[in-house]
Protein backbone atom coordinates (compact mmCIF):
# COMPACT_ATOMS: atom_id res chain seq x y z
CA UNK A 1 -1.48 14.21 32.33
CA UNK A 2 1.00 14.34 29.41
CA UNK A 3 3.17 11.82 31.25
CA UNK A 4 0.25 9.36 31.30
CA UNK A 5 -0.42 9.90 27.58
CA UNK A 6 3.20 9.21 26.70
CA UNK A 7 3.38 6.24 29.06
CA UNK A 8 0.36 4.63 27.39
CA UNK A 9 1.55 5.10 23.80
CA UNK A 10 1.72 1.93 21.75
CA UNK A 11 4.66 1.31 19.41
CA UNK A 12 4.23 2.46 15.81
CA UNK A 13 2.95 -0.38 13.63
CA UNK A 14 5.26 0.71 10.83
CA UNK A 15 8.31 0.73 13.07
CA UNK A 16 7.32 -2.64 14.52
CA UNK A 17 7.06 -4.12 11.01
CA UNK A 18 10.47 -2.66 10.08
CA UNK A 19 12.06 -4.07 13.23
CA UNK A 20 10.49 -7.49 12.71
CA UNK A 21 11.58 -7.67 9.06
CA UNK A 22 15.11 -6.57 10.01
CA UNK A 23 15.32 -9.39 12.58
CA UNK A 24 14.04 -11.93 10.05
CA UNK A 25 16.61 -10.74 7.51
CA UNK A 26 19.34 -11.19 10.12
CA UNK A 27 18.14 -14.78 10.48
CA UNK A 28 18.71 -15.25 6.75
CA UNK A 29 15.05 -15.14 5.75
CA UNK A 30 14.07 -13.52 2.43
CA UNK A 31 11.86 -10.48 3.03
CA UNK A 32 9.84 -8.76 0.31
CA UNK A 33 9.30 -5.12 1.13
CA UNK A 34 6.32 -3.43 -0.49
CA UNK A 35 6.78 0.02 1.00
CA UNK A 36 7.14 2.71 -1.63
CA UNK A 37 9.18 5.37 0.14
CA UNK A 38 10.39 8.31 -1.89
CA UNK A 39 11.17 7.65 -5.52
CA UNK A 40 14.59 8.70 -6.85
CA UNK A 41 12.95 9.44 -10.22
CA UNK A 42 11.49 12.75 -11.36
CA UNK A 43 7.71 12.70 -11.76
CA UNK A 44 6.87 13.04 -15.47
CA UNK A 45 5.38 16.42 -16.35
CA UNK A 46 2.18 14.93 -17.80
CA UNK A 47 1.56 13.16 -14.49
CA UNK A 48 2.15 16.40 -12.58
CA UNK A 49 -0.38 18.17 -14.81
CA UNK A 50 -3.00 15.44 -14.37
CA UNK A 51 -2.52 15.55 -10.60
CA UNK A 52 -3.06 19.31 -10.69
CA UNK A 53 -6.15 18.93 -12.88
CA UNK A 54 -7.67 16.29 -10.61
CA UNK A 55 -6.62 17.48 -7.15
CA UNK A 56 -10.21 18.51 -6.43
CA UNK A 57 -11.22 14.83 -6.63
CA UNK A 58 -9.89 14.06 -3.18
CA UNK A 59 -12.41 11.52 -1.93
CA UNK A 60 -11.39 8.11 -0.65
CA UNK A 61 -12.08 5.18 -2.91
CA UNK A 62 -14.31 2.31 -1.78
CA UNK A 63 -12.52 -0.01 0.64
CA UNK A 64 -12.91 -2.89 -1.83
CA UNK A 65 -11.32 -0.82 -4.61
CA UNK A 66 -12.73 0.31 -7.92
CA UNK A 67 -15.17 -2.24 -9.31
CA UNK A 68 -13.94 -1.82 -12.89
CA UNK A 69 -10.31 -2.31 -11.83
CA UNK A 70 -11.18 -5.35 -9.67
CA UNK A 71 -12.97 -6.93 -12.64
CA UNK A 72 -10.01 -6.37 -14.96
CA UNK A 73 -7.55 -7.81 -12.42
CA UNK A 74 -9.84 -10.81 -11.80
CA UNK A 75 -10.10 -11.54 -15.53
CA UNK A 76 -6.34 -11.19 -16.00
CA UNK A 77 -5.42 -13.49 -13.11
CA UNK A 78 -8.01 -16.06 -14.16
CA UNK A 79 -6.81 -15.95 -17.78
CA UNK A 80 -3.16 -16.34 -16.71
CA UNK A 81 -4.21 -19.14 -14.32
CA UNK A 82 -2.59 -17.23 -11.46
CA UNK A 83 -5.67 -17.72 -9.31
CA UNK A 84 -9.42 -17.73 -9.51
CA UNK A 85 -11.00 -14.59 -8.08
CA UNK A 86 -14.42 -14.46 -6.47
CA UNK A 87 -15.67 -10.90 -6.89
CA UNK A 88 -18.49 -11.25 -4.37
CA UNK A 89 -17.67 -9.27 -1.24
């Protein structure tokens, strides 16, 4: 039974993306990596305290993101003529 489970495993999406980007880099293509990984910088103490104070608020955000933040980003990008954003989803 375990053998069948292992046999039917699909490759990790993350590992597949890493492998694909590595191959594209080897071909001389420019790859922009947006993975965060572990930061080499110490987390500021005020951030640590806020995380502690708000750890109980552990619900997922709406899939579309926070409405207030979406509106601010839309206004900014429209003002800077980066792109026009349609907020209807």
